[in-house]
């Protein structure tokens, strides 16, 4: 995990700073923890670690899936066009 040395008595680290200091292994571990705690949906299908790119993609897909009724008709059509490529 990243190591921070505070300059003052109170510790205030921006989440982005913390995240970008993490190694890929740390990010996978964080993903697994957030998934186990129910903060994000797990799309993991094997015991192999998920890459950060897979984690990001799965997080995006989860957000879209859980908010599908809020999509505009244009956004819905865009997703259909993307899906039709496969």
Protein backbone atom coordinates (compact mmCIF):
# COMPACT_ATOMS: atom_id res chain seq x y z
CA UNK A 1 0.00 0.00 0.00
CA UNK A 2 1.13 3.57 -0.52
CA UNK A 3 2.99 5.22 2.30
CA UNK A 4 2.32 8.85 3.19
CA UNK A 5 4.13 10.96 5.74
CA UNK A 6 1.92 13.82 6.89
CA UNK A 7 3.49 17.27 7.20
CA UNK A 8 1.09 18.22 9.97
CA UNK A 9 -0.71 16.50 12.81
CA UNK A 10 -3.93 15.91 10.90
CA UNK A 11 -3.85 13.52 7.96
CA UNK A 12 -5.88 14.56 4.92
CA UNK A 13 -5.02 12.55 1.79
CA UNK A 14 -6.98 12.98 -1.41
CA UNK A 15 -8.49 9.68 -2.63
CA UNK A 16 -7.05 10.25 -6.12
CA UNK A 17 -3.55 10.73 -4.71
CA UNK A 18 -3.88 7.52 -2.71
CA UNK A 19 -5.27 5.53 -5.65
CA UNK A 20 -2.58 6.58 -8.14
CA UNK A 21 0.17 5.70 -5.64
CA UNK A 22 -1.17 2.13 -5.33
CA UNK A 23 0.44 -0.73 -7.22
CA UNK A 24 -1.71 -2.85 -9.55
CA UNK A 25 -1.72 -5.62 -6.93
CA UNK A 26 -2.96 -3.12 -4.32
CA UNK A 27 -5.74 -2.01 -6.69
CA UNK A 28 -6.84 -5.61 -7.25
CA UNK A 29 -6.86 -6.13 -3.48
CA UNK A 30 -8.91 -2.95 -3.02
CA UNK A 31 -11.34 -4.08 -5.74
CA UNK A 32 -11.78 -7.43 -4.01
CA UNK A 33 -12.39 -5.72 -0.66
CA UNK A 34 -14.92 -3.25 -2.11
CA UNK A 35 -16.66 -6.11 -3.89
CA UNK A 36 -16.77 -8.28 -0.75
CA UNK A 37 -18.17 -5.37 1.27
CA UNK A 38 -20.89 -4.76 -1.33
CA UNK A 39 -19.71 -1.32 -2.49
CA UNK A 40 -19.30 -2.53 -6.08
CA UNK A 41 -20.66 -5.45 -8.07
CA UNK A 42 -18.27 -8.25 -8.80
CA UNK A 43 -18.14 -9.51 -12.36
CA UNK A 44 -15.18 -11.75 -11.61
CA UNK A 45 -15.68 -15.20 -13.14
CA UNK A 46 -12.46 -16.93 -12.08
CA UNK A 47 -9.99 -17.00 -9.23
CA UNK A 48 -7.44 -15.07 -11.27
CA UNK A 49 -6.87 -11.45 -10.20
CA UNK A 50 -8.81 -8.89 -12.19
CA UNK A 51 -6.73 -6.27 -13.98
CA UNK A 52 -7.29 -2.61 -13.23
CA UNK A 53 -8.71 -2.11 -16.72
CA UNK A 54 -11.18 -4.97 -16.19
CA UNK A 55 -12.09 -3.51 -12.82
CA UNK A 56 -12.74 -0.11 -14.37
CA UNK A 57 -14.79 -1.61 -17.23
CA UNK A 58 -16.84 -3.74 -14.83
CA UNK A 59 -17.44 -0.76 -12.58
CA UNK A 60 -18.72 1.28 -15.54
CA UNK A 61 -20.96 -1.55 -16.72
CA UNK A 62 -22.33 -2.01 -13.21
CA UNK A 63 -23.23 1.68 -12.97
CA UNK A 64 -24.96 1.59 -16.34
CA UNK A 65 -26.80 -1.62 -15.46
CA UNK A 66 -28.05 -0.36 -12.12
CA UNK A 67 -29.22 2.94 -13.59
CA UNK A 68 -30.59 1.68 -16.93
CA UNK A 69 -33.99 3.26 -16.37
CA UNK A 70 -32.35 6.68 -16.14
CA UNK A 71 -30.73 6.43 -19.60
CA UNK A 72 -31.98 8.77 -22.28
CA UNK A 73 -33.22 7.25 -25.52
CA UNK A 74 -30.02 8.52 -27.22
CA UNK A 75 -27.84 6.81 -24.61
CA UNK A 76 -29.86 3.61 -24.97
CA UNK A 77 -29.42 3.68 -28.76
CA UNK A 78 -25.68 4.32 -28.36
CA UNK A 79 -25.34 1.24 -26.14
CA UNK A 80 -27.31 -0.83 -28.65
CA UNK A 81 -24.99 0.30 -31.46
CA UNK A 82 -21.94 -0.64 -29.39
CA UNK A 83 -23.41 -4.04 -28.51
CA UNK A 84 -24.33 -4.75 -32.15
CA UNK A 85 -20.62 -4.72 -33.05
CA UNK A 86 -20.25 -8.00 -31.19
